[in-house]
Amino acid sequence: MQDAAENARRQRTVRSFVRRTGRMTTAQRRALKTLWPIYGIDYRPAQLDLDKVFGRKAQRIMEIGFGNGELIVSMAAQSPRQGLYWSRSA
């Protein structure tokens, strides 16, 4: 009985929570400024015609999530004829 109580006390607990939004490095800010005009697609309140945007028809896969895009880069190398897109999580 004492072991269970002692183990419960030893378990780590979350002591704080910090939202990570709004923290952008200088390099990230510079990349966004210089690369968005080349690779970005601005939001418009209309359906996006990806065939027109990319100039071809292809099966499309969109990765939405965290990370640095390693998975989508690997997938693109394995399937260069597919349309692969990445989006940051909202």
PDB file of N, CA and C in Angstrom:
ATOM      1  N   MET A   1       0.818  -1.183   0.000  1.00  0.00           N
ATOM      2  CA  MET A   1       0.000   0.000   0.000  1.00  0.00           C
ATOM      3  C   MET A   1       0.869   1.256   0.000  1.00  0.00           C
ATOM      4  N   GLN A   2       1.914   1.239   0.790  1.00  0.00           N
ATOM      5  CA  GLN A   2       2.805   2.388   0.875  1.00  0.00           C
ATOM      6  C   GLN A   2       3.522   2.596  -0.451  1.00  0.00           C
ATOM      7  N   ASP A   3       3.896   1.520  -1.160  1.00  0.00           N
ATOM      8  CA  ASP A   3       4.577   1.654  -2.449  1.00  0.00           C
ATOM      9  C   ASP A   3       3.716   2.388  -3.467  1.00  0.00           C
ATOM     10  N   ALA A   4       2.417   2.086  -3.511  1.00  0.00           N
ATOM     11  CA  ALA A   4       1.508   2.764  -4.447  1.00  0.00           C
ATOM     12  C   ALA A   4       1.435   4.254  -4.151  1.00  0.00           C
ATOM     13  N   ALA A   5       1.334   4.616  -2.901  1.00  0.00           N
ATOM     14  CA  ALA A   5       1.272   6.028  -2.529  1.00  0.00           C
ATOM     15  C   ALA A   5       2.586   6.729  -2.858  1.00  0.00           C
ATOM     16  N   GLU A   6       3.706   6.054  -2.634  1.00  0.00           N
ATOM     17  CA  GLU A   6       5.016   6.642  -2.928  1.00  0.00           C
ATOM     18  C   GLU A   6       5.190   6.818  -4.427  1.00  0.00           C
ATOM     19  N   ASN A   7       4.755   5.821  -5.218  1.00  0.00           N
ATOM     20  CA  ASN A   7       4.846   5.929  -6.677  1.00  0.00           C
ATOM     21  C   ASN A   7       3.991   7.083  -7.195  1.00  0.00           C
ATOM     22  N   ALA A   8       2.820   7.259  -6.625  1.00  0.00           N
ATOM     23  CA  ALA A   8       1.939   8.350  -7.035  1.00  0.00           C
ATOM     24  C   ALA A   8       2.605   9.702  -6.801  1.00  0.00           C
ATOM     25  N   ARG A   9       3.312   9.836  -5.695  1.00  0.00           N
ATOM     26  CA  ARG A   9       4.012  11.091  -5.393  1.00  0.00           C
ATOM     27  C   ARG A   9       5.174  11.321  -6.344  1.00  0.00           C
ATOM     28  N   ARG A  10       5.810  10.263  -6.807  1.00  0.00           N
ATOM     29  CA  ARG A  10       6.987  10.387  -7.675  1.00  0.00           C
ATOM     30  C   ARG A  10       6.632  10.679  -9.127  1.00  0.00           C
ATOM     31  N   GLN A  11       5.393  10.450  -9.526  1.00  0.00           N
ATOM     32  CA  GLN A  11       5.015  10.694 -10.912  1.00  0.00           C
ATOM     33  C   GLN A  11       5.146  12.169 -11.241  1.00  0.00           C
ATOM     34  N   ARG A  12       5.661  12.412 -12.434  1.00  0.00           N
ATOM     35  CA  ARG A  12       5.803  13.801 -12.876  1.00  0.00           C
ATOM     36  C   ARG A  12       4.445  14.368 -13.226  1.00  0.00           C
ATOM     37  N   THR A  13       4.253  15.608 -12.931  1.00  0.00           N
ATOM     38  CA  THR A  13       3.031  16.300 -13.304  1.00  0.00           C
ATOM     39  C   THR A  13       3.389  17.502 -14.161  1.00  0.00           C
ATOM     40  N   VAL A  14       2.461  17.908 -14.979  1.00  0.00           N
ATOM     41  CA  VAL A  14       2.667  19.093 -15.794  1.00  0.00           C
ATOM     42  C   VAL A  14       2.538  20.304 -14.882  1.00  0.00           C
ATOM     43  N   ARG A  15       3.555  21.112 -14.879  1.00  0.00           N
ATOM     44  CA  ARG A  15       3.546  22.270 -13.978  1.00  0.00           C
ATOM     45  C   ARG A  15       3.143  23.557 -14.682  1.00  0.00           C
ATOM     46  N   SER A  16       3.318  23.597 -15.987  1.00  0.00           N
ATOM     47  CA  SER A  16       2.935  24.811 -16.706  1.00  0.00           C
ATOM     48  C   SER A  16       2.585  24.456 -18.142  1.00  0.00           C
ATOM     49  N   PHE A  17       1.928  25.360 -18.785  1.00  0.00           N
ATOM     50  CA  PHE A  17       1.572  25.204 -20.180  1.00  0.00           C
ATOM     51  C   PHE A  17       1.835  26.528 -20.860  1.00  0.00           C
ATOM     52  N   VAL A  18       2.548  26.486 -21.977  1.00  0.00           N
ATOM     53  CA  VAL A  18       2.866  27.712 -22.701  1.00  0.00           C
ATOM     54  C   VAL A  18       2.473  27.519 -24.155  1.00  0.00           C
ATOM     55  N   ARG A  19       1.642  28.407 -24.663  1.00  0.00           N
ATOM     56  CA  ARG A  19       1.297  28.360 -26.083  1.00  0.00           C
ATOM     57  C   ARG A  19       2.519  28.785 -26.877  1.00  0.00           C
ATOM     58  N   ARG A  20       2.803  28.082 -27.947  1.00  0.00           N
ATOM     59  CA  ARG A  20       3.991  28.362 -28.733  1.00  0.00           C
ATOM     60  C   ARG A  20       3.716  29.296 -29.903  1.00  0.00           C
ATOM     61  N   THR A  21       2.513  29.803 -30.000  1.00  0.00           N
ATOM     62  CA  THR A  21       2.192  30.686 -31.112  1.00  0.00           C
ATOM     63  C   THR A  21       2.925  32.015 -30.974  1.00  0.00           C
ATOM     64  N   GLY A  22       3.237  32.603 -32.095  1.00  0.00           N
ATOM     65  CA  GLY A  22       3.838  33.919 -32.085  1.00  0.00           C
ATOM     66  C   GLY A  22       5.342  33.943 -31.919  1.00  0.00           C
ATOM     67  N   ARG A  23       5.956  32.794 -31.794  1.00  0.00           N
ATOM     68  CA  ARG A  23       7.416  32.771 -31.642  1.00  0.00           C
ATOM     69  C   ARG A  23       8.044  32.384 -32.970  1.00  0.00           C
ATOM     70  N   MET A  24       8.571  33.354 -33.668  1.00  0.00           N
ATOM     71  CA  MET A  24       9.177  33.097 -34.958  1.00  0.00           C
ATOM     72  C   MET A  24      10.607  33.620 -34.924  1.00  0.00           C
ATOM     73  N   THR A  25      11.540  32.799 -35.383  1.00  0.00           N
ATOM     74  CA  THR A  25      12.931  33.233 -35.397  1.00  0.00           C
ATOM     75  C   THR A  25      13.149  34.221 -36.540  1.00  0.00           C
ATOM     76  N   THR A  26      14.261  34.892 -36.510  1.00  0.00           N
ATOM     77  CA  THR A  26      14.613  35.829 -37.577  1.00  0.00           C
ATOM     78  C   THR A  26      14.704  35.103 -38.910  1.00  0.00           C
ATOM     79  N   ALA A  27      15.302  33.921 -38.913  1.00  0.00           N
ATOM     80  CA  ALA A  27      15.438  33.142 -40.149  1.00  0.00           C
ATOM     81  C   ALA A  27      14.066  32.708 -40.677  1.00  0.00           C
ATOM     82  N   GLN A  28      13.168  32.313 -39.783  1.00  0.00           N
ATOM     83  CA  GLN A  28      11.822  31.927 -40.206  1.00  0.00           C
ATOM     84  C   GLN A  28      11.077  33.122 -40.792  1.00  0.00           C
ATOM     85  N   ARG A  29      11.211  34.253 -40.165  1.00  0.00           N
ATOM     86  CA  ARG A  29      10.559  35.473 -40.660  1.00  0.00           C
ATOM     87  C   ARG A  29      11.094  35.840 -42.046  1.00  0.00           C
ATOM     88  N   ARG A  30      12.410  35.749 -42.211  1.00  0.00           N
ATOM     89  CA  ARG A  30      13.044  36.063 -43.502  1.00  0.00           C
ATOM     90  C   ARG A  30      12.589  35.068 -44.572  1.00  0.00           C
ATOM     91  N   ALA A  31      12.536  33.773 -44.219  1.00  0.00           N
ATOM     92  CA  ALA A  31      12.101  32.749 -45.181  1.00  0.00           C
ATOM     93  C   ALA A  31      10.647  32.978 -45.585  1.00  0.00           C
ATOM     94  N   LEU A  32       9.793  33.306 -44.634  1.00  0.00           N
ATOM     95  CA  LEU A  32       8.396  33.560 -44.946  1.00  0.00           C
ATOM     96  C   LEU A  32       8.261  34.753 -45.889  1.00  0.00           C
ATOM     97  N   LYS A  33       9.019  35.783 -45.617  1.00  0.00           N
ATOM     98  CA  LYS A  33       8.958  36.992 -46.448  1.00  0.00           C
ATOM     99  C   LYS A  33       9.463  36.731 -47.870  1.00  0.00           C
ATOM    100  N   THR A  34      10.546  35.980 -47.988  1.00  0.00           N
ATOM    101  CA  THR A  34      11.141  35.776 -49.314  1.00  0.00           C
ATOM    102  C   THR A  34      10.545  34.587 -50.080  1.00  0.00           C
ATOM    103  N   LEU A  35      10.100  33.558 -49.375  1.00  0.00           N
ATOM    104  CA  LEU A  35       9.624  32.354 -50.062  1.00  0.00           C
ATOM    105  C   LEU A  35       8.114  32.305 -50.264  1.00  0.00           C
ATOM    106  N   TRP A  36       7.343  33.009 -49.429  1.00  0.00           N
ATOM    107  CA  TRP A  36       5.888  32.983 -49.596  1.00  0.00           C
ATOM    108  C   TRP A  36       5.461  33.442 -50.994  1.00  0.00           C
ATOM    109  N   PRO A  37       6.041  34.533 -51.533  1.00  0.00           N
ATOM    110  CA  PRO A  37       5.619  34.952 -52.878  1.00  0.00           C
ATOM    111  C   PRO A  37       5.884  33.883 -53.945  1.00  0.00           C
ATOM    112  N   ILE A  38       6.830  33.005 -53.720  1.00  0.00           N
ATOM    113  CA  ILE A  38       7.171  31.961 -54.689  1.00  0.00           C
ATOM    114  C   ILE A  38       6.329  30.705 -54.472  1.00  0.00           C
ATOM    115  N   TYR A  39       6.196  30.262 -53.213  1.00  0.00           N
ATOM    116  CA  TYR A  39       5.575  28.976 -52.902  1.00  0.00           C
ATOM    117  C   TYR A  39       4.223  29.081 -52.199  1.00  0.00           C
ATOM    118  N   GLY A  40       3.881  30.219 -51.661  1.00  0.00           N
ATOM    119  CA  GLY A  40       2.655  30.354 -50.885  1.00  0.00           C
ATOM    120  C   GLY A  40       1.427  30.546 -51.758  1.00  0.00           C
ATOM    121  N   ILE A  41       0.278  30.225 -51.201  1.00  0.00           N
ATOM    122  CA  ILE A  41      -1.006  30.472 -51.861  1.00  0.00           C
ATOM    123  C   ILE A  41      -1.844  31.279 -50.880  1.00  0.00           C
ATOM    124  N   ASP A  42      -2.171  32.490 -51.254  1.00  0.00           N
ATOM    125  CA  ASP A  42      -2.959  33.353 -50.380  1.00  0.00           C
ATOM    126  C   ASP A  42      -4.393  32.846 -50.291  1.00  0.00           C
ATOM    127  N   TYR A  43      -4.997  33.051 -49.124  1.00  0.00           N
ATOM    128  CA  TYR A  43      -6.386  32.651 -48.901  1.00  0.00           C
ATOM    129  C   TYR A  43      -7.336  33.517 -49.718  1.00  0.00           C
ATOM    130  N   ARG A  44      -8.313  32.864 -50.306  1.00  0.00           N
ATOM    131  CA  ARG A  44      -9.430  33.547 -50.953  1.00  0.00           C
ATOM    132  C   ARG A  44     -10.679  32.780 -50.578  1.00  0.00           C
ATOM    133  N   PRO A  45     -11.797  33.455 -50.376  1.00  0.00           N
ATOM    134  CA  PRO A  45     -13.026  32.766 -49.974  1.00  0.00           C
ATOM    135  C   PRO A  45     -13.716  32.066 -51.140  1.00  0.00           C
ATOM    136  N   ALA A  46     -12.944  31.361 -51.955  1.00  0.00           N
ATOM    137  CA  ALA A  46     -13.485  30.601 -53.080  1.00  0.00           C
ATOM    138  C   ALA A  46     -12.729  29.278 -53.161  1.00  0.00           C
ATOM    139  N   GLN A  47     -13.332  28.304 -53.818  1.00  0.00           N
ATOM    140  CA  GLN A  47     -12.680  27.001 -53.959  1.00  0.00           C
ATOM    141  C   GLN A  47     -11.406  27.150 -54.783  1.00  0.00           C
ATOM    142  N   LEU A  48     -10.354  26.509 -54.335  1.00  0.00           N
ATOM    143  CA  LEU A  48      -9.051  26.589 -54.985  1.00  0.00           C
ATOM    144  C   LEU A  48      -8.958  25.536 -56.090  1.00  0.00           C
ATOM    145  N   ASP A  49      -8.606  25.942 -57.288  1.00  0.00           N
ATOM    146  CA  ASP A  49      -8.435  25.025 -58.417  1.00  0.00           C
ATOM    147  C   ASP A  49      -6.959  24.634 -58.486  1.00  0.00           C
ATOM    148  N   LEU A  50      -6.619  23.510 -57.836  1.00  0.00           N
ATOM    149  CA  LEU A  50      -5.210  23.093 -57.765  1.00  0.00           C
ATOM    150  C   LEU A  50      -4.651  22.700 -59.125  1.00  0.00           C
ATOM    151  N   ASP A  51      -5.491  22.191 -60.033  1.00  0.00           N
ATOM    152  CA  ASP A  51      -5.003  21.883 -61.384  1.00  0.00           C
ATOM    153  C   ASP A  51      -4.504  23.156 -62.061  1.00  0.00           C
ATOM    154  N   LYS A  52      -5.230  24.242 -61.874  1.00  0.00           N
ATOM    155  CA  LYS A  52      -4.840  25.528 -62.466  1.00  0.00           C
ATOM    156  C   LYS A  52      -3.607  26.093 -61.762  1.00  0.00           C
ATOM    157  N   VAL A  53      -3.596  26.043 -60.426  1.00  0.00           N
ATOM    158  CA  VAL A  53      -2.476  26.602 -59.660  1.00  0.00           C
ATOM    159  C   VAL A  53      -1.162  25.927 -60.048  1.00  0.00           C
ATOM    160  N   PHE A  54      -1.181  24.576 -60.145  1.00  0.00           N
ATOM    161  CA  PHE A  54       0.054  23.837 -60.393  1.00  0.00           C
ATOM    162  C   PHE A  54       0.244  23.435 -61.850  1.00  0.00           C
ATOM    163  N   GLY A  55      -0.728  23.737 -62.691  1.00  0.00           N
ATOM    164  CA  GLY A  55      -0.574  23.487 -64.114  1.00  0.00           C
ATOM    165  C   GLY A  55      -0.600  22.025 -64.509  1.00  0.00           C
ATOM    166  N   ARG A  56      -1.207  21.161 -63.689  1.00  0.00           N
ATOM    167  CA  ARG A  56      -1.321  19.741 -64.025  1.00  0.00           C
ATOM    168  C   ARG A  56      -2.312  19.061 -63.096  1.00  0.00           C
ATOM    169  N   LYS A  57      -2.798  17.900 -63.538  1.00  0.00           N
ATOM    170  CA  LYS A  57      -3.666  17.082 -62.700  1.00  0.00           C
ATOM    171  C   LYS A  57      -2.803  16.030 -62.025  1.00  0.00           C
ATOM    172  N   ALA A  58      -3.050  15.791 -60.752  1.00  0.00           N
ATOM    173  CA  ALA A  58      -2.296  14.779 -60.009  1.00  0.00           C
ATOM    174  C   ALA A  58      -3.081  14.417 -58.758  1.00  0.00           C
ATOM    175  N   GLN A  59      -2.830  13.208 -58.247  1.00  0.00           N
ATOM    176  CA  GLN A  59      -3.379  12.860 -56.944  1.00  0.00           C
ATOM    177  C   GLN A  59      -2.734  13.804 -55.935  1.00  0.00           C
ATOM    178  N   ARG A  60      -3.490  14.294 -54.988  1.00  0.00           N
ATOM    179  CA  ARG A  60      -2.965  15.264 -54.045  1.00  0.00           C
ATOM    180  C   ARG A  60      -2.982  14.719 -52.631  1.00  0.00           C
ATOM    181  N   ILE A  61      -1.899  14.951 -51.912  1.00  0.00           N
ATOM    182  CA  ILE A  61      -1.780  14.597 -50.503  1.00  0.00           C
ATOM    183  C   ILE A  61      -1.363  15.854 -49.774  1.00  0.00           C
ATOM    184  N   MET A  62      -2.067  16.173 -48.695  1.00  0.00           N
ATOM    185  CA  MET A  62      -1.736  17.366 -47.925  1.00  0.00           C
ATOM    186  C   MET A  62      -1.414  16.970 -46.500  1.00  0.00           C
ATOM    187  N   GLU A  63      -0.240  17.332 -46.048  1.00  0.00           N
ATOM    188  CA  GLU A  63       0.168  17.064 -44.667  1.00  0.00           C
ATOM    189  C   GLU A  63      -0.157  18.301 -43.842  1.00  0.00           C
ATOM    190  N   ILE A  64      -0.919  18.098 -42.776  1.00  0.00           N
ATOM    191  CA  ILE A  64      -1.248  19.193 -41.870  1.00  0.00           C
ATOM    192  C   ILE A  64      -0.728  18.796 -40.504  1.00  0.00           C
ATOM    193  N   GLY A  65       0.123  19.579 -39.939  1.00  0.00           N
ATOM    194  CA  GLY A  65       0.609  19.207 -38.624  1.00  0.00           C
ATOM    195  C   GLY A  65       1.859  19.933 -38.214  1.00  0.00           C
ATOM    196  N   PHE A  66       2.495  19.372 -37.221  1.00  0.00           N
ATOM    197  CA  PHE A  66       3.695  19.943 -36.643  1.00  0.00           C
ATOM    198  C   PHE A  66       4.920  19.389 -37.341  1.00  0.00           C
ATOM    199  N   GLY A  67       6.052  19.892 -36.978  1.00  0.00           N
ATOM    200  CA  GLY A  67       7.303  19.367 -37.503  1.00  0.00           C
ATOM    201  C   GLY A  67       7.897  20.259 -38.564  1.00  0.00           C
ATOM    202  N   ASN A  68       8.926  19.735 -39.188  1.00  0.00           N
ATOM    203  CA  ASN A  68       9.672  20.503 -40.180  1.00  0.00           C
ATOM    204  C   ASN A  68       9.460  20.006 -41.596  1.00  0.00           C
ATOM    205  N   GLY A  69       8.501  19.105 -41.790  1.00  0.00           N
ATOM    206  CA  GLY A  69       8.189  18.640 -43.128  1.00  0.00           C
ATOM    207  C   GLY A  69       9.029  17.468 -43.610  1.00  0.00           C
ATOM    208  N   GLU A  70       9.745  16.783 -42.705  1.00  0.00           N
ATOM    209  CA  GLU A  70      10.589  15.668 -43.130  1.00  0.00           C
ATOM    210  C   GLU A  70       9.776  14.577 -43.818  1.00  0.00           C
ATOM    211  N   LEU A  71       8.583  14.285 -43.299  1.00  0.00           N
ATOM    212  CA  LEU A  71       7.754  13.239 -43.882  1.00  0.00           C
ATOM    213  C   LEU A  71       7.348  13.591 -45.301  1.00  0.00           C
ATOM    214  N   ILE A  72       6.906  14.806 -45.510  1.00  0.00           N
ATOM    215  CA  ILE A  72       6.451  15.165 -46.850  1.00  0.00           C
ATOM    216  C   ILE A  72       7.608  15.240 -47.847  1.00  0.00           C
ATOM    217  N   VAL A  73       8.790  15.620 -47.393  1.00  0.00           N
ATOM    218  CA  VAL A  73       9.964  15.633 -48.272  1.00  0.00           C
ATOM    219  C   VAL A  73      10.305  14.205 -48.693  1.00  0.00           C
ATOM    220  N   SER A  74      10.254  13.276 -47.750  1.00  0.00           N
ATOM    221  CA  SER A  74      10.507  11.865 -48.050  1.00  0.00           C
ATOM    222  C   SER A  74       9.464  11.321 -49.022  1.00  0.00           C
ATOM    223  N   MET A  75       8.189  11.645 -48.783  1.00  0.00           N
ATOM    224  CA  MET A  75       7.126  11.181 -49.673  1.00  0.00           C
ATOM    225  C   MET A  75       7.290  11.769 -51.075  1.00  0.00           C
ATOM    226  N   ALA A  76       7.665  13.022 -51.171  1.00  0.00           N
ATOM    227  CA  ALA A  76       7.847  13.660 -52.475  1.00  0.00           C
ATOM    228  C   ALA A  76       8.984  13.003 -53.253  1.00  0.00           C
ATOM    229  N   ALA A  77      10.057  12.634 -52.562  1.00  0.00           N
ATOM    230  CA  ALA A  77      11.177  11.973 -53.230  1.00  0.00           C
ATOM    231  C   ALA A  77      10.765  10.595 -53.754  1.00  0.00           C
ATOM    232  N   GLN A  78       9.895   9.910 -53.022  1.00  0.00           N
ATOM    233  CA  GLN A  78       9.446   8.572 -53.430  1.00  0.00           C
ATOM    234  C   GLN A  78       8.395   8.622 -54.540  1.00  0.00           C
ATOM    235  N   SER A  79       7.622   9.690 -54.609  1.00  0.00           N
ATOM    236  CA  SER A  79       6.534   9.791 -55.581  1.00  0.00           C
ATOM    237  C   SER A  79       6.526  11.173 -56.225  1.00  0.00           C
ATOM    238  N   PRO A  80       7.494  11.454 -57.094  1.00  0.00           N
ATOM    239  CA  PRO A  80       7.624  12.808 -57.633  1.00  0.00           C
ATOM    240  C   PRO A  80       6.458  13.262 -58.513  1.00  0.00           C
ATOM    241  N   ARG A  81       5.619  12.346 -58.982  1.00  0.00           N
ATOM    242  CA  ARG A  81       4.514  12.734 -59.854  1.00  0.00           C
ATOM    243  C   ARG A  81       3.242  13.094 -59.081  1.00  0.00           C
ATOM    244  N   GLN A  82       3.232  12.873 -57.785  1.00  0.00           N
ATOM    245  CA  GLN A  82       2.077  13.245 -56.974  1.00  0.00           C
ATOM    246  C   GLN A  82       2.207  14.689 -56.528  1.00  0.00           C
ATOM    247  N   GLY A  83       1.085  15.306 -56.248  1.00  0.00           N
ATOM    248  CA  GLY A  83       1.101  16.661 -55.699  1.00  0.00           C
ATOM    249  C   GLY A  83       1.095  16.584 -54.182  1.00  0.00           C
ATOM    250  N   LEU A  84       2.146  17.039 -53.546  1.00  0.00           N
ATOM    251  CA  LEU A  84       2.259  16.992 -52.085  1.00  0.00           C
ATOM    252  C   LEU A  84       2.331  18.408 -51.555  1.00  0.00           C
ATOM    253  N   TYR A  85       1.520  18.684 -50.533  1.00  0.00           N
ATOM    254  CA  TYR A  85       1.446  20.040 -49.997  1.00  0.00           C
ATOM    255  C   TYR A  85       1.554  19.976 -48.492  1.00  0.00           C
ATOM    256  N   TRP A  86       2.056  21.027 -47.888  1.00  0.00           N
ATOM    257  CA  TRP A  86       2.231  21.085 -46.444  1.00  0.00           C
ATOM    258  C   TRP A  86       1.522  22.315 -45.930  1.00  0.00           C
ATOM    259  N   SER A  87       0.930  22.178 -44.783  1.00  0.00           N
ATOM    260  CA  SER A  87       0.279  23.320 -44.146  1.00  0.00           C
ATOM    261  C   SER A  87       0.563  23.272 -42.653  1.00  0.00           C
ATOM    262  N   ARG A  88       0.814  24.418 -42.053  1.00  0.00           N
ATOM    263  CA  ARG A  88       0.961  24.473 -40.600  1.00  0.00           C
ATOM    264  C   ARG A  88      -0.395  24.255 -39.978  1.00  0.00           C
ATOM    265  N   SER A  89      -0.405  23.688 -38.794  1.00  0.00           N
ATOM    266  CA  SER A  89      -1.656  23.528 -38.065  1.00  0.00           C
ATOM    267  C   SER A  89      -2.196  24.878 -37.671  1.00  0.00           C
ATOM    268  N   ALA A  90      -3.493  24.942 -37.628  1.00  0.00           N
ATOM    269  CA  ALA A  90      -4.125  26.211 -37.223  1.00  0.00           C
ATOM    270  C   ALA A  90      -4.079  26.338 -35.726  1.00  0.00           C
TER     271      ALA A  90
END
